[in-house]
Amino acid sequence: MATFIMAMNIIPSAKKEQPDLGKAINASLEVFSENKVKVSKLFATLGRYDYLAMFYATDQTIAFKVASQINAKGVLDTETWPVVPYEEFSHYF
């Protein structure tokens, strides 16, 4: 399993157009489970992004699919990064 981090922001128009924004956000996040992707951590933040999710996917194709499906719902805009645990990465130098 590969590890990914997804940063998400609420789309400004969704804040105005969604009568129940919380419900719309939760529906967007259900895309993870619909694709059998395990989210290990989900955070709300007070910074550049509204939410951060750490998740595991079988490969990059599934991670791209999840990000695309979340974006298509029109509530959250995503940015997704593949990540490697530092312990594994540090063996390269």
C-alpha atoms as a PDB file:
ATOM      1  CA  MET A   1       0.000   0.000   0.000  1.00  0.00           C
ATOM      2  CA  ALA A   2       1.194   3.469  -0.866  1.00  0.00           C
ATOM      3  CA  THR A   3       0.690   6.417   1.488  1.00  0.00           C
ATOM      4  CA  PHE A   4      -0.759   9.744   0.371  1.00  0.00           C
ATOM      5  CA  ILE A   5      -1.649  13.064   1.944  1.00  0.00           C
ATOM      6  CA  MET A   6      -4.566  15.023   0.552  1.00  0.00           C
ATOM      7  CA  ALA A   7      -4.976  18.711   1.360  1.00  0.00           C
ATOM      8  CA  MET A   8      -8.486  20.055   0.846  1.00  0.00           C
ATOM      9  CA  ASN A   9     -10.134  23.453   0.753  1.00  0.00           C
ATOM     10  CA  ILE A  10     -13.815  24.251   0.715  1.00  0.00           C
ATOM     11  CA  ILE A  11     -14.645  25.824  -2.650  1.00  0.00           C
ATOM     12  CA  PRO A  12     -15.843  29.416  -1.998  1.00  0.00           C
ATOM     13  CA  SER A  13     -18.994  28.996  -4.101  1.00  0.00           C
ATOM     14  CA  ALA A  14     -19.935  25.888  -2.093  1.00  0.00           C
ATOM     15  CA  LYS A  15     -19.977  28.007   1.068  1.00  0.00           C
ATOM     16  CA  LYS A  16     -22.726  30.099  -0.517  1.00  0.00           C
ATOM     17  CA  GLU A  17     -24.611  27.475  -2.518  1.00  0.00           C
ATOM     18  CA  GLN A  18     -24.729  24.481  -0.154  1.00  0.00           C
ATOM     19  CA  PRO A  19     -27.681  24.702   2.259  1.00  0.00           C
ATOM     20  CA  ASP A  20     -26.003  22.134   4.564  1.00  0.00           C
ATOM     21  CA  LEU A  21     -22.272  22.526   4.009  1.00  0.00           C
ATOM     22  CA  GLY A  22     -21.323  19.956   6.653  1.00  0.00           C
ATOM     23  CA  LYS A  23     -23.478  17.309   4.992  1.00  0.00           C
ATOM     24  CA  ALA A  24     -21.999  18.155   1.578  1.00  0.00           C
ATOM     25  CA  ILE A  25     -18.433  17.884   2.929  1.00  0.00           C
ATOM     26  CA  ASN A  26     -19.199  14.527   4.545  1.00  0.00           C
ATOM     27  CA  ALA A  27     -20.709  13.268   1.280  1.00  0.00           C
ATOM     28  CA  SER A  28     -17.514  14.300  -0.515  1.00  0.00           C
ATOM     29  CA  LEU A  29     -15.365  12.473   2.027  1.00  0.00           C
ATOM     30  CA  GLU A  30     -17.417   9.284   1.557  1.00  0.00           C
ATOM     31  CA  VAL A  31     -15.574   8.899  -1.757  1.00  0.00           C
ATOM     32  CA  PHE A  32     -12.689   7.381   0.217  1.00  0.00           C
ATOM     33  CA  SER A  33     -14.774   4.500   1.563  1.00  0.00           C
ATOM     34  CA  GLU A  34     -16.669   4.085  -1.724  1.00  0.00           C
ATOM     35  CA  ASN A  35     -13.293   3.320  -3.312  1.00  0.00           C
ATOM     36  CA  LYS A  36     -12.178   1.090  -0.406  1.00  0.00           C
ATOM     37  CA  VAL A  37      -9.435   3.558   0.511  1.00  0.00           C
ATOM     38  CA  LYS A  38      -8.451   3.620   4.192  1.00  0.00           C
ATOM     39  CA  VAL A  39      -8.096   7.069   5.743  1.00  0.00           C
ATOM     40  CA  SER A  40      -5.754   6.757   8.708  1.00  0.00           C
ATOM     41  CA  LYS A  41      -6.043  10.387   9.860  1.00  0.00           C
ATOM     42  CA  LEU A  42      -8.345  13.267   8.986  1.00  0.00           C
ATOM     43  CA  PHE A  43      -7.632  16.735  10.350  1.00  0.00           C
ATOM     44  CA  ALA A  44      -9.385  20.095  10.231  1.00  0.00           C
ATOM     45  CA  THR A  45      -6.760  22.847  10.153  1.00  0.00           C
ATOM     46  CA  LEU A  46      -6.399  26.553  10.844  1.00  0.00           C
ATOM     47  CA  GLY A  47      -4.082  27.328   7.986  1.00  0.00           C
ATOM     48  CA  ARG A  48      -3.769  27.293   4.233  1.00  0.00           C
ATOM     49  CA  TYR A  49      -5.967  24.202   3.944  1.00  0.00           C
ATOM     50  CA  ASP A  50      -9.287  23.415   5.608  1.00  0.00           C
ATOM     51  CA  TYR A  51      -8.669  19.657   5.895  1.00  0.00           C
ATOM     52  CA  LEU A  52      -5.790  17.185   5.612  1.00  0.00           C
ATOM     53  CA  ALA A  53      -6.263  13.448   5.116  1.00  0.00           C
ATOM     54  CA  MET A  54      -3.588  10.785   5.345  1.00  0.00           C
ATOM     55  CA  PHE A  55      -4.678   7.694   3.454  1.00  0.00           C
ATOM     56  CA  TYR A  56      -3.491   4.429   1.983  1.00  0.00           C
ATOM     57  CA  ALA A  57      -4.253   3.312  -1.556  1.00  0.00           C
ATOM     58  CA  THR A  58      -3.117   0.331  -3.564  1.00  0.00           C
ATOM     59  CA  ASP A  59      -1.510   2.621  -6.141  1.00  0.00           C
ATOM     60  CA  GLN A  60      -1.372   6.124  -7.575  1.00  0.00           C
ATOM     61  CA  THR A  61      -4.208   5.437  -9.983  1.00  0.00           C
ATOM     62  CA  ILE A  62      -6.652   4.904  -7.107  1.00  0.00           C
ATOM     63  CA  ALA A  63      -5.371   8.050  -5.350  1.00  0.00           C
ATOM     64  CA  PHE A  64      -5.944  10.065  -8.536  1.00  0.00           C
ATOM     65  CA  LYS A  65      -9.418   8.548  -8.937  1.00  0.00           C
ATOM     66  CA  VAL A  66     -10.399   9.488  -5.375  1.00  0.00           C
ATOM     67  CA  ALA A  67      -9.093  13.046  -5.775  1.00  0.00           C
ATOM     68  CA  SER A  68     -10.917  13.458  -9.091  1.00  0.00           C
ATOM     69  CA  GLN A  69     -14.193  12.171  -7.663  1.00  0.00           C
ATOM     70  CA  ILE A  70     -13.971  14.449  -4.618  1.00  0.00           C
ATOM     71  CA  ASN A  71     -13.248  17.456  -6.863  1.00  0.00           C
ATOM     72  CA  ALA A  72     -16.153  16.537  -9.151  1.00  0.00           C
ATOM     73  CA  LYS A  73     -18.630  16.906  -6.279  1.00  0.00           C
ATOM     74  CA  GLY A  74     -17.955  20.659  -6.352  1.00  0.00           C
ATOM     75  CA  VAL A  75     -17.504  21.143  -2.609  1.00  0.00           C
ATOM     76  CA  LEU A  76     -13.814  20.504  -1.964  1.00  0.00           C
ATOM     77  CA  ASP A  77     -10.736  21.307  -4.011  1.00  0.00           C
ATOM     78  CA  THR A  78      -7.908  18.828  -3.429  1.00  0.00           C
ATOM     79  CA  GLU A  79      -4.146  18.621  -3.704  1.00  0.00           C
ATOM     80  CA  THR A  80      -2.668  15.136  -3.263  1.00  0.00           C
ATOM     81  CA  TRP A  81       0.917  14.109  -2.546  1.00  0.00           C
ATOM     82  CA  PRO A  82       2.483  10.647  -2.449  1.00  0.00           C
ATOM     83  CA  VAL A  83       4.626  10.391   0.683  1.00  0.00           C
ATOM     84  CA  VAL A  84       7.324   8.093   2.018  1.00  0.00           C
ATOM     85  CA  PRO A  85       7.981   7.603   5.739  1.00  0.00           C
ATOM     86  CA  TYR A  86      11.129   9.458   6.739  1.00  0.00           C
ATOM     87  CA  GLU A  87      12.717   6.272   8.051  1.00  0.00           C
ATOM     88  CA  GLU A  88      12.538   4.740   4.568  1.00  0.00           C
ATOM     89  CA  PHE A  89      13.615   7.908   2.776  1.00  0.00           C
ATOM     90  CA  SER A  90      16.629   8.515   5.039  1.00  0.00           C
ATOM     91  CA  HIS A  91      18.251   5.316   3.767  1.00  0.00           C
ATOM     92  CA  TYR A  92      18.900   7.081   0.457  1.00  0.00           C
ATOM     93  CA  PHE A  93      21.446   9.504   1.905  1.00  0.00           C
END
